Amino acid sequence: MEKSFYGMKRLFPILLLAVAGLSCSDRRPEFVIGVSQCSDDEWREKMNLEMVRESRFYPGTERNL
């Protein structure tokens, strides 16, 4: 028990520094959102147009339709 506590005691500062280093980054996370297109009808066309419209509220988004 004492040996595992000693190992955790040594590991904690390393983990703390790693988390602190990652949280100070200026890089913003990137996300990719995929949408399955299983039909080709008026409803789907309207949904595509609405997704494009909503994505314009968020600068930096890319739309590949």
PDB file of N, CA and C in Angstrom:
ATOM      1  N   MET A   1       0.828  -1.195   0.000  1.00  0.00           N
ATOM      2  CA  MET A   1       0.000   0.000   0.000  1.00  0.00           C
ATOM      3  C   MET A   1       0.864   1.247   0.000  1.00  0.00           C
ATOM      4  N   GLU A   2       1.913   1.234   0.763  1.00  0.00           N
ATOM      5  CA  GLU A   2       2.775   2.401   0.890  1.00  0.00           C
ATOM      6  C   GLU A   2       3.521   2.683  -0.418  1.00  0.00           C
ATOM      7  N   LYS A   3       3.897   1.634  -1.142  1.00  0.00           N
ATOM      8  CA  LYS A   3       4.602   1.814  -2.406  1.00  0.00           C
ATOM      9  C   LYS A   3       3.691   2.445  -3.460  1.00  0.00           C
ATOM     10  N   SER A   4       2.439   2.010  -3.524  1.00  0.00           N
ATOM     11  CA  SER A   4       1.536   2.585  -4.522  1.00  0.00           C
ATOM     12  C   SER A   4       1.224   4.048  -4.196  1.00  0.00           C
ATOM     13  N   PHE A   5       1.124   4.384  -2.928  1.00  0.00           N
ATOM     14  CA  PHE A   5       0.903   5.777  -2.532  1.00  0.00           C
ATOM     15  C   PHE A   5       2.103   6.630  -2.924  1.00  0.00           C
ATOM     16  N   TYR A   6       3.304   6.102  -2.756  1.00  0.00           N
ATOM     17  CA  TYR A   6       4.514   6.828  -3.130  1.00  0.00           C
ATOM     18  C   TYR A   6       4.534   7.083  -4.638  1.00  0.00           C
ATOM     19  N   GLY A   7       4.114   6.081  -5.429  1.00  0.00           N
ATOM     20  CA  GLY A   7       4.064   6.244  -6.881  1.00  0.00           C
ATOM     21  C   GLY A   7       3.051   7.302  -7.298  1.00  0.00           C
ATOM     22  N   MET A   8       1.902   7.300  -6.654  1.00  0.00           N
ATOM     23  CA  MET A   8       0.880   8.293  -6.954  1.00  0.00           C
ATOM     24  C   MET A   8       1.348   9.685  -6.548  1.00  0.00           C
ATOM     25  N   LYS A   9       2.076   9.758  -5.457  1.00  0.00           N
ATOM     26  CA  LYS A   9       2.584  11.038  -4.973  1.00  0.00           C
ATOM     27  C   LYS A   9       3.582  11.635  -5.970  1.00  0.00           C
ATOM     28  N   ARG A  10       4.339  10.788  -6.635  1.00  0.00           N
ATOM     29  CA  ARG A  10       5.297  11.257  -7.647  1.00  0.00           C
ATOM     30  C   ARG A  10       4.592  11.574  -8.966  1.00  0.00           C
ATOM     31  N   LEU A  11       3.537  10.855  -9.282  1.00  0.00           N
ATOM     32  CA  LEU A  11       2.850  11.017 -10.550  1.00  0.00           C
ATOM     33  C   LEU A  11       1.939  12.250 -10.558  1.00  0.00           C
ATOM     34  N   PHE A  12       1.380  12.616  -9.437  1.00  0.00           N
ATOM     35  CA  PHE A  12       0.426  13.721  -9.366  1.00  0.00           C
ATOM     36  C   PHE A  12       0.987  15.040  -9.886  1.00  0.00           C
ATOM     37  N   PRO A  13       2.179  15.480  -9.474  1.00  0.00           N
ATOM     38  CA  PRO A  13       2.696  16.754 -10.010  1.00  0.00           C
ATOM     39  C   PRO A  13       2.904  16.736 -11.524  1.00  0.00           C
ATOM     40  N   ILE A  14       3.284  15.593 -12.057  1.00  0.00           N
ATOM     41  CA  ILE A  14       3.485  15.482 -13.502  1.00  0.00           C
ATOM     42  C   ILE A  14       2.147  15.649 -14.222  1.00  0.00           C
ATOM     43  N   LEU A  15       1.119  14.975 -13.715  1.00  0.00           N
ATOM     44  CA  LEU A  15      -0.211  15.110 -14.316  1.00  0.00           C
ATOM     45  C   LEU A  15      -0.737  16.531 -14.184  1.00  0.00           C
ATOM     46  N   LEU A  16      -0.487  17.151 -13.060  1.00  0.00           N
ATOM     47  CA  LEU A  16      -0.937  18.522 -12.833  1.00  0.00           C
ATOM     48  C   LEU A  16      -0.281  19.477 -13.832  1.00  0.00           C
ATOM     49  N   LEU A  17       1.003  19.320 -14.069  1.00  0.00           N
ATOM     50  CA  LEU A  17       1.699  20.170 -15.039  1.00  0.00           C
ATOM     51  C   LEU A  17       1.194  19.919 -16.459  1.00  0.00           C
ATOM     52  N   ALA A  18       0.913  18.666 -16.783  1.00  0.00           N
ATOM     53  CA  ALA A  18       0.414  18.345 -18.122  1.00  0.00           C
ATOM     54  C   ALA A  18      -0.950  18.991 -18.352  1.00  0.00           C
ATOM     55  N   VAL A  19      -1.841  18.904 -17.388  1.00  0.00           N
ATOM     56  CA  VAL A  19      -3.164  19.503 -17.525  1.00  0.00           C
ATOM     57  C   VAL A  19      -3.059  21.017 -17.601  1.00  0.00           C
ATOM     58  N   ALA A  20      -2.202  21.610 -16.792  1.00  0.00           N
ATOM     59  CA  ALA A  20      -2.022  23.067 -16.809  1.00  0.00           C
ATOM     60  C   ALA A  20      -1.475  23.516 -18.161  1.00  0.00           C
ATOM     61  N   GLY A  21      -0.564  22.761 -18.725  1.00  0.00           N
ATOM     62  CA  GLY A  21      -0.006  23.103 -20.026  1.00  0.00           C
ATOM     63  C   GLY A  21      -1.024  23.021 -21.138  1.00  0.00           C
ATOM     64  N   LEU A  22      -1.909  22.036 -21.083  1.00  0.00           N
ATOM     65  CA  LEU A  22      -2.934  21.898 -22.112  1.00  0.00           C
ATOM     66  C   LEU A  22      -4.000  22.967 -22.000  1.00  0.00           C
ATOM     67  N   SER A  23      -4.311  23.390 -20.800  1.00  0.00           N
ATOM     68  CA  SER A  23      -5.383  24.366 -20.631  1.00  0.00           C
ATOM     69  C   SER A  23      -4.959  25.777 -21.017  1.00  0.00           C
ATOM     70  N   CYS A  24      -3.678  26.024 -21.125  1.00  0.00           N
ATOM     71  CA  CYS A  24      -3.190  27.363 -21.475  1.00  0.00           C
ATOM     72  C   CYS A  24      -3.018  27.537 -22.984  1.00  0.00           C
ATOM     73  N   SER A  25      -3.373  26.570 -23.741  1.00  0.00           N
ATOM     74  CA  SER A  25      -3.204  26.630 -25.188  1.00  0.00           C
ATOM     75  C   SER A  25      -4.201  27.604 -25.810  1.00  0.00           C
ATOM     76  N   ASP A  26      -3.754  28.329 -26.843  1.00  0.00           N
ATOM     77  CA  ASP A  26      -4.630  29.253 -27.567  1.00  0.00           C
ATOM     78  C   ASP A  26      -5.400  28.548 -28.677  1.00  0.00           C
ATOM     79  N   ARG A  27      -5.059  27.308 -28.934  1.00  0.00           N
ATOM     80  CA  ARG A  27      -5.697  26.573 -30.022  1.00  0.00           C
ATOM     81  C   ARG A  27      -7.123  26.195 -29.650  1.00  0.00           C
ATOM     82  N   ARG A  28      -8.041  26.480 -30.540  1.00  0.00           N
ATOM     83  CA  ARG A  28      -9.443  26.146 -30.311  1.00  0.00           C
ATOM     84  C   ARG A  28      -9.709  24.737 -30.829  1.00  0.00           C
ATOM     85  N   PRO A  29     -10.573  24.012 -30.161  1.00  0.00           N
ATOM     86  CA  PRO A  29     -10.875  22.655 -30.643  1.00  0.00           C
ATOM     87  C   PRO A  29     -11.621  22.696 -31.974  1.00  0.00           C
ATOM     88  N   GLU A  30     -11.393  21.695 -32.783  1.00  0.00           N
ATOM     89  CA  GLU A  30     -12.086  21.586 -34.060  1.00  0.00           C
ATOM     90  C   GLU A  30     -13.039  20.397 -34.000  1.00  0.00           C
ATOM     91  N   PHE A  31     -14.206  20.568 -34.565  1.00  0.00           N
ATOM     92  CA  PHE A  31     -15.196  19.513 -34.582  1.00  0.00           C
ATOM     93  C   PHE A  31     -15.661  19.294 -36.011  1.00  0.00           C
ATOM     94  N   VAL A  32     -15.957  18.058 -36.331  1.00  0.00           N
ATOM     95  CA  VAL A  32     -16.532  17.712 -37.628  1.00  0.00           C
ATOM     96  C   VAL A  32     -17.889  17.090 -37.349  1.00  0.00           C
ATOM     97  N   ILE A  33     -18.920  17.647 -37.961  1.00  0.00           N
ATOM     98  CA  ILE A  33     -20.275  17.137 -37.786  1.00  0.00           C
ATOM     99  C   ILE A  33     -20.733  16.575 -39.119  1.00  0.00           C
ATOM    100  N   GLY A  34     -21.050  15.313 -39.140  1.00  0.00           N
ATOM    101  CA  GLY A  34     -21.527  14.665 -40.355  1.00  0.00           C
ATOM    102  C   GLY A  34     -23.020  14.410 -40.272  1.00  0.00           C
ATOM    103  N   VAL A  35     -23.674  14.500 -41.406  1.00  0.00           N
ATOM    104  CA  VAL A  35     -25.114  14.267 -41.475  1.00  0.00           C
ATOM    105  C   VAL A  35     -25.371  13.235 -42.567  1.00  0.00           C
ATOM    106  N   SER A  36     -26.079  12.185 -42.217  1.00  0.00           N
ATOM    107  CA  SER A  36     -26.414  11.144 -43.182  1.00  0.00           C
ATOM    108  C   SER A  36     -27.540  11.623 -44.093  1.00  0.00           C
ATOM    109  N   GLN A  37     -27.336  11.486 -45.387  1.00  0.00           N
ATOM    110  CA  GLN A  37     -28.347  11.878 -46.378  1.00  0.00           C
ATOM    111  C   GLN A  37     -28.915  10.599 -46.990  1.00  0.00           C
ATOM    112  N   CYS A  38     -30.004  10.119 -46.412  1.00  0.00           N
ATOM    113  CA  CYS A  38     -30.542   8.833 -46.877  1.00  0.00           C
ATOM    114  C   CYS A  38     -31.718   8.984 -47.842  1.00  0.00           C
ATOM    115  N   SER A  39     -32.089  10.203 -48.165  1.00  0.00           N
ATOM    116  CA  SER A  39     -33.201  10.400 -49.100  1.00  0.00           C
ATOM    117  C   SER A  39     -32.937  11.653 -49.927  1.00  0.00           C
ATOM    118  N   ASP A  40     -33.683  11.798 -50.992  1.00  0.00           N
ATOM    119  CA  ASP A  40     -33.552  12.963 -51.856  1.00  0.00           C
ATOM    120  C   ASP A  40     -34.956  13.468 -52.168  1.00  0.00           C
ATOM    121  N   ASP A  41     -35.485  14.280 -51.248  1.00  0.00           N
ATOM    122  CA  ASP A  41     -36.833  14.794 -51.417  1.00  0.00           C
ATOM    123  C   ASP A  41     -36.901  16.240 -50.923  1.00  0.00           C
ATOM    124  N   GLU A  42     -38.090  16.830 -50.981  1.00  0.00           N
ATOM    125  CA  GLU A  42     -38.249  18.236 -50.582  1.00  0.00           C
ATOM    126  C   GLU A  42     -37.909  18.471 -49.111  1.00  0.00           C
ATOM    127  N   TRP A  43     -38.281  17.529 -48.265  1.00  0.00           N
ATOM    128  CA  TRP A  43     -38.005  17.676 -46.842  1.00  0.00           C
ATOM    129  C   TRP A  43     -36.497  17.747 -46.586  1.00  0.00           C
ATOM    130  N   ARG A  44     -35.744  16.859 -47.223  1.00  0.00           N
ATOM    131  CA  ARG A  44     -34.288  16.832 -47.049  1.00  0.00           C
ATOM    132  C   ARG A  44     -33.671  18.109 -47.592  1.00  0.00           C
ATOM    133  N   GLU A  45     -34.147  18.598 -48.715  1.00  0.00           N
ATOM    134  CA  GLU A  45     -33.631  19.840 -49.287  1.00  0.00           C
ATOM    135  C   GLU A  45     -33.851  21.015 -48.327  1.00  0.00           C
ATOM    136  N   LYS A  46     -35.027  21.079 -47.725  1.00  0.00           N
ATOM    137  CA  LYS A  46     -35.332  22.130 -46.754  1.00  0.00           C
ATOM    138  C   LYS A  46     -34.409  22.013 -45.529  1.00  0.00           C
ATOM    139  N   MET A  47     -34.184  20.807 -45.048  1.00  0.00           N
ATOM    140  CA  MET A  47     -33.291  20.597 -43.895  1.00  0.00           C
ATOM    141  C   MET A  47     -31.860  21.038 -44.227  1.00  0.00           C
ATOM    142  N   ASN A  48     -31.403  20.736 -45.432  1.00  0.00           N
ATOM    143  CA  ASN A  48     -30.060  21.165 -45.842  1.00  0.00           C
ATOM    144  C   ASN A  48     -29.950  22.685 -45.839  1.00  0.00           C
ATOM    145  N   LEU A  49     -30.942  23.358 -46.374  1.00  0.00           N
ATOM    146  CA  LEU A  49     -30.929  24.820 -46.400  1.00  0.00           C
ATOM    147  C   LEU A  49     -30.947  25.398 -44.981  1.00  0.00           C
ATOM    148  N   GLU A  50     -31.705  24.768 -44.082  1.00  0.00           N
ATOM    149  CA  GLU A  50     -31.749  25.247 -42.699  1.00  0.00           C
ATOM    150  C   GLU A  50     -30.423  25.023 -41.986  1.00  0.00           C
ATOM    151  N   MET A  51     -29.747  23.907 -42.265  1.00  0.00           N
ATOM    152  CA  MET A  51     -28.435  23.664 -41.658  1.00  0.00           C
ATOM    153  C   MET A  51     -27.411  24.695 -42.136  1.00  0.00           C
ATOM    154  N   VAL A  52     -27.461  25.018 -43.418  1.00  0.00           N
ATOM    155  CA  VAL A  52     -26.554  26.039 -43.953  1.00  0.00           C
ATOM    156  C   VAL A  52     -26.851  27.387 -43.303  1.00  0.00           C
ATOM    157  N   ARG A  53     -28.127  27.740 -43.201  1.00  0.00           N
ATOM    158  CA  ARG A  53     -28.509  29.009 -42.577  1.00  0.00           C
ATOM    159  C   ARG A  53     -28.005  29.085 -41.137  1.00  0.00           C
ATOM    160  N   GLU A  54     -28.216  28.048 -40.361  1.00  0.00           N
ATOM    161  CA  GLU A  54     -27.788  28.045 -38.962  1.00  0.00           C
ATOM    162  C   GLU A  54     -26.272  28.088 -38.834  1.00  0.00           C
ATOM    163  N   SER A  55     -25.558  27.455 -39.747  1.00  0.00           N
ATOM    164  CA  SER A  55     -24.092  27.445 -39.661  1.00  0.00           C
ATOM    165  C   SER A  55     -23.500  28.830 -39.903  1.00  0.00           C
ATOM    166  N   ARG A  56     -24.241  29.697 -40.553  1.00  0.00           N
ATOM    167  CA  ARG A  56     -23.748  31.060 -40.801  1.00  0.00           C
ATOM    168  C   ARG A  56     -23.685  31.898 -39.531  1.00  0.00           C
ATOM    169  N   PHE A  57     -24.343  31.457 -38.467  1.00  0.00           N
ATOM    170  CA  PHE A  57     -24.273  32.167 -37.187  1.00  0.00           C
ATOM    171  C   PHE A  57     -22.943  31.923 -36.470  1.00  0.00           C
ATOM    172  N   TYR A  58     -22.157  30.969 -36.942  1.00  0.00           N
ATOM    173  CA  TYR A  58     -20.895  30.603 -36.303  1.00  0.00           C
ATOM    174  C   TYR A  58     -19.748  30.846 -37.270  1.00  0.00           C
ATOM    175  N   PRO A  59     -18.979  31.930 -37.058  1.00  0.00           N
ATOM    176  CA  PRO A  59     -17.864  32.223 -37.957  1.00  0.00           C
ATOM    177  C   PRO A  59     -16.834  31.096 -37.933  1.00  0.00           C
ATOM    178  N   GLY A  60     -16.258  30.861 -39.070  1.00  0.00           N
ATOM    179  CA  GLY A  60     -15.213  29.831 -39.173  1.00  0.00           C
ATOM    180  C   GLY A  60     -15.741  28.454 -39.518  1.00  0.00           C
ATOM    181  N   THR A  61     -17.037  28.321 -39.706  1.00  0.00           N
ATOM    182  CA  THR A  61     -17.571  27.012 -40.088  1.00  0.00           C
ATOM    183  C   THR A  61     -17.438  26.809 -41.591  1.00  0.00           C
ATOM    184  N   GLU A  62     -17.229  25.578 -41.975  1.00  0.00           N
ATOM    185  CA  GLU A  62     -17.149  25.230 -43.390  1.00  0.00           C
ATOM    186  C   GLU A  62     -18.333  24.349 -43.713  1.00  0.00           C
ATOM    187  N   ARG A  63     -18.915  24.571 -44.881  1.00  0.00           N
ATOM    188  CA  ARG A  63     -20.067  23.801 -45.298  1.00  0.00           C
ATOM    189  C   ARG A  63     -19.722  23.063 -46.584  1.00  0.00           C
ATOM    190  N   ASN A  64     -19.840  21.764 -46.553  1.00  0.00           N
ATOM    191  CA  ASN A  64     -19.601  20.944 -47.745  1.00  0.00           C
ATOM    192  C   ASN A  64     -20.870  20.161 -48.045  1.00  0.00           C
ATOM    193  N   LEU A  65     -21.671  20.715 -48.930  1.00  0.00           N
ATOM    194  CA  LEU A  65     -22.919  20.035 -49.298  1.00  0.00           C
ATOM    195  C   LEU A  65     -22.810  19.393 -50.643  1.00  0.00           C
TER     196      LEU A  65
END
